[in-house]
Amino acid sequence: MDISKTTAKNIKRIRESKHLTLDAAAAATGVSRSMLSQIERGDANPTITVLWKIANGFKVSFTALTEAALEDATVIRSESVQPVTEGDGRYINYPIFPFDEKKLFEMYRIVIEPGGCLDAQPHILGTEEYITVFQGNVKITAGGNEYELKEGDSIHFRSDTEHRYHNPGKKTAQLSMLIYYGKG
């Protein structure tokens, strides 16, 4: 990642989103119009002090200027995901979107072969799971209760206690799983 290009794009994007001309941005930040123009074109590498002036003038965080912006779309090709298996390969976890501290969640595609199961340990306090069954049937045990889900069903439960996933059927089960790490 080229921090200068990222910073240049972010500053221009934020300035334009606030409908500020270069002159108005200069007045708000205390950074000259010509310097702002050079930074936005990537012709100048601003100092930390200049970045703080811009951040304060735009009323955004410092990292809003320096972090890579979220792409319009991220495509995850199934062949690029390395699965994690359990139970003789009958419970397969495909980590699709890894944990992100800003979003507080991670997302998986789960495949459970007939008879496959996973006994999961409690996650950290405040953690929740959101699951949708796209194929097959599963039994999920959470909080001491057992829930039978069929194709098209969804469940949300606290996963900061022991929980279990089991495919009692004769057909492969496929699930989408989002794990949300609340602020416990």
Protein backbone atom coordinates (compact mmCIF):
# COMPACT_ATOMS: atom_id res chain seq x y z
CA MET A 1 0.00 0.00 0.00
CA ASP A 2 1.36 3.40 -1.00
CA ILE A 3 0.46 5.69 1.90
CA SER A 4 0.96 8.85 -0.19
CA LYS A 5 -1.52 7.74 -2.87
CA THR A 6 -3.99 6.53 -0.26
CA THR A 7 -3.75 9.81 1.67
CA ALA A 8 -4.13 11.85 -1.53
CA LYS A 9 -7.28 9.94 -2.54
CA ASN A 10 -8.79 10.12 0.94
CA ILE A 11 -8.21 13.86 1.35
CA LYS A 12 -9.77 14.62 -2.04
CA ARG A 13 -12.69 12.23 -1.42
CA ILE A 14 -13.41 13.69 2.04
CA ARG A 15 -13.09 17.29 0.83
CA GLU A 16 -15.47 16.63 -2.05
CA SER A 17 -17.94 14.75 0.17
CA LYS A 18 -18.09 17.84 2.38
CA HIS A 19 -18.65 20.01 -0.72
CA LEU A 20 -15.57 22.11 0.04
CA THR A 21 -13.60 23.96 -2.61
CA LEU A 22 -9.84 23.99 -2.21
CA ASP A 23 -10.13 27.57 -0.91
CA ALA A 24 -12.76 26.56 1.68
CA ALA A 25 -10.67 23.53 2.69
CA ALA A 26 -7.62 25.76 3.11
CA ALA A 27 -9.61 28.12 5.35
CA ALA A 28 -10.94 25.21 7.44
CA THR A 29 -7.59 23.45 7.86
CA GLY A 30 -5.01 26.22 7.90
CA VAL A 31 -3.14 24.42 5.09
CA SER A 32 -2.59 26.50 1.96
CA ARG A 33 -4.67 25.92 -1.14
CA SER A 34 -1.57 25.12 -3.21
CA MET A 35 -0.33 22.59 -0.62
CA LEU A 36 -3.75 20.88 -0.48
CA SER A 37 -3.80 20.73 -4.28
CA GLN A 38 -0.30 19.19 -4.36
CA ILE A 39 -1.28 16.64 -1.68
CA GLU A 40 -4.47 15.64 -3.55
CA ARG A 41 -2.50 15.14 -6.78
CA GLY A 42 0.09 13.07 -4.94
CA ASP A 43 2.83 15.60 -5.68
CA ALA A 44 3.52 16.36 -2.01
CA ASN A 45 4.02 14.04 0.95
CA PRO A 46 2.41 15.80 3.93
CA THR A 47 3.96 15.76 7.38
CA ILE A 48 2.11 14.35 10.37
CA THR A 49 1.45 17.91 11.55
CA VAL A 50 -0.14 18.83 8.20
CA LEU A 51 -2.26 15.65 8.26
CA TRP A 52 -3.50 16.53 11.76
CA LYS A 53 -4.43 20.03 10.57
CA ILE A 54 -6.40 18.53 7.69
CA ALA A 55 -8.07 15.93 9.92
CA ASN A 56 -9.07 18.55 12.48
CA GLY A 57 -10.26 20.97 9.79
CA PHE A 58 -12.33 18.27 8.09
CA LYS A 59 -13.51 17.00 11.51
CA VAL A 60 -12.44 13.41 10.78
CA SER A 61 -10.06 11.00 12.45
CA PHE A 62 -6.39 10.94 11.49
CA THR A 63 -6.78 7.37 10.21
CA ALA A 64 -9.64 8.47 7.93
CA LEU A 65 -6.91 10.23 5.95
CA THR A 66 -4.35 7.42 5.96
CA GLU A 67 -6.28 4.14 5.77
CA ALA A 68 -7.06 2.43 2.50
CA ALA A 69 -10.68 3.02 1.60
CA LEU A 70 -13.05 0.11 1.32
CA GLU A 71 -13.28 -1.09 -2.24
CA ASP A 72 -16.65 -0.97 -3.95
CA ALA A 73 -16.69 -4.76 -3.91
CA THR A 74 -14.52 -7.63 -2.75
CA VAL A 75 -14.99 -10.94 -4.51
CA ILE A 76 -13.86 -14.05 -2.67
CA ARG A 77 -13.46 -16.95 -5.06
CA SER A 78 -14.33 -20.31 -3.47
CA GLU A 79 -11.12 -21.91 -4.74
CA SER A 80 -9.06 -19.29 -2.89
CA VAL A 81 -10.47 -20.15 0.55
CA GLN A 82 -8.54 -22.71 2.61
CA PRO A 83 -11.02 -24.86 4.56
CA VAL A 84 -10.56 -25.97 8.14
CA THR A 85 -11.92 -29.42 8.92
CA GLU A 86 -13.06 -31.24 12.03
CA GLY A 87 -14.51 -34.66 12.80
CA ASP A 88 -12.78 -36.72 10.12
CA GLY A 89 -13.53 -34.06 7.53
CA ARG A 90 -17.30 -34.18 8.01
CA TYR A 91 -17.45 -30.62 9.42
CA ILE A 92 -15.80 -28.14 7.06
CA ASN A 93 -15.38 -24.46 7.82
CA TYR A 94 -14.57 -22.05 4.99
CA PRO A 95 -13.44 -18.71 6.49
CA ILE A 96 -14.79 -16.16 4.01
CA PHE A 97 -14.45 -12.79 5.75
CA PRO A 98 -11.96 -12.77 8.64
CA PHE A 99 -12.51 -10.85 11.85
CA ASP A 100 -12.24 -7.08 11.52
CA GLU A 101 -11.85 -5.01 14.70
CA LYS A 102 -13.91 -2.17 13.24
CA LYS A 103 -16.82 -4.38 12.20
CA LEU A 104 -16.60 -6.88 15.07
CA PHE A 105 -17.64 -9.89 13.00
CA GLU A 106 -16.35 -12.73 10.88
CA MET A 107 -18.21 -14.83 8.34
CA TYR A 108 -17.99 -18.48 7.29
CA ARG A 109 -19.49 -20.98 4.91
CA ILE A 110 -20.03 -24.25 6.77
CA VAL A 111 -20.47 -27.67 5.17
CA ILE A 112 -21.55 -30.55 7.41
CA GLU A 113 -21.61 -34.02 5.89
CA PRO A 114 -24.26 -36.52 7.10
CA GLY A 115 -23.46 -37.51 10.69
CA GLY A 116 -20.91 -34.69 11.03
CA CYS A 117 -20.85 -32.48 14.09
CA LEU A 118 -18.82 -29.95 16.01
CA ASP A 119 -18.93 -29.31 19.74
CA ALA A 120 -17.90 -25.68 20.07
CA GLN A 121 -16.42 -24.08 23.14
CA PRO A 122 -17.91 -20.81 24.39
CA HIS A 123 -16.69 -17.72 22.57
CA ILE A 124 -15.83 -14.54 24.47
CA LEU A 125 -18.60 -12.88 26.51
CA GLY A 126 -21.20 -11.11 24.36
CA THR A 127 -20.57 -13.16 21.21
CA GLU A 128 -23.56 -14.01 19.01
CA GLU A 129 -24.01 -16.23 15.97
CA TYR A 130 -26.31 -15.76 13.01
CA ILE A 131 -26.81 -18.87 10.88
CA THR A 132 -28.88 -19.60 7.79
CA VAL A 133 -29.28 -23.12 6.39
CA PHE A 134 -29.10 -23.19 2.60
CA GLN A 135 -29.12 -26.94 2.12
CA GLY A 136 -29.98 -29.95 4.25
CA ASN A 137 -30.96 -30.08 7.92
CA VAL A 138 -29.02 -29.34 11.10
CA LYS A 139 -29.53 -29.54 14.82
CA ILE A 140 -28.00 -26.70 16.78
CA THR A 141 -27.71 -26.86 20.53
CA ALA A 142 -27.18 -23.54 22.30
CA GLY A 143 -27.94 -22.40 25.82
CA GLY A 144 -29.07 -25.91 26.73
CA ASN A 145 -31.78 -25.95 24.03
CA GLU A 146 -31.81 -27.93 20.79
CA TYR A 147 -33.10 -26.37 17.58
CA GLU A 148 -33.88 -28.31 14.41
CA LEU A 149 -33.39 -26.26 11.28
CA LYS A 150 -34.22 -27.16 7.71
CA GLU A 151 -33.33 -25.58 4.39
CA GLY A 152 -34.20 -21.88 4.43
CA ASP A 153 -34.34 -21.59 8.24
CA SER A 154 -32.19 -19.18 10.22
CA ILE A 155 -31.18 -18.89 13.86
CA HIS A 156 -29.54 -16.29 16.07
CA PHE A 157 -28.12 -17.28 19.46
CA ARG A 158 -25.65 -16.31 22.14
CA SER A 159 -22.48 -18.28 21.52
CA ASP A 160 -20.65 -17.36 24.71
CA THR A 161 -21.81 -20.72 26.07
CA GLU A 162 -21.13 -24.24 24.81
CA HIS A 163 -22.92 -24.95 21.54
CA ARG A 164 -23.09 -27.73 18.99
CA TYR A 165 -23.78 -28.20 15.28
CA HIS A 166 -24.92 -31.61 14.00
CA ASN A 167 -26.18 -32.95 10.69
CA PRO A 168 -28.52 -35.85 11.55
CA GLY A 169 -29.74 -36.22 7.96
CA LYS A 170 -28.65 -38.13 4.89
CA LYS A 171 -27.91 -34.99 2.82
CA THR A 172 -24.96 -32.59 3.10
CA ALA A 173 -25.88 -29.44 5.02
CA GLN A 174 -24.59 -26.05 3.93
CA LEU A 175 -24.80 -23.00 6.18
CA SER A 176 -23.81 -19.38 6.26
CA MET A 177 -22.45 -18.34 9.66
CA LEU A 178 -21.76 -14.84 10.92
CA ILE A 179 -20.09 -14.53 14.33
CA TYR A 180 -20.55 -11.13 15.96
CA TYR A 181 -18.22 -10.20 18.82
CA GLY A 182 -20.25 -7.77 20.90
CA LYS A 183 -18.72 -5.35 23.32
CA GLY A 184 -19.09 -7.95 26.12
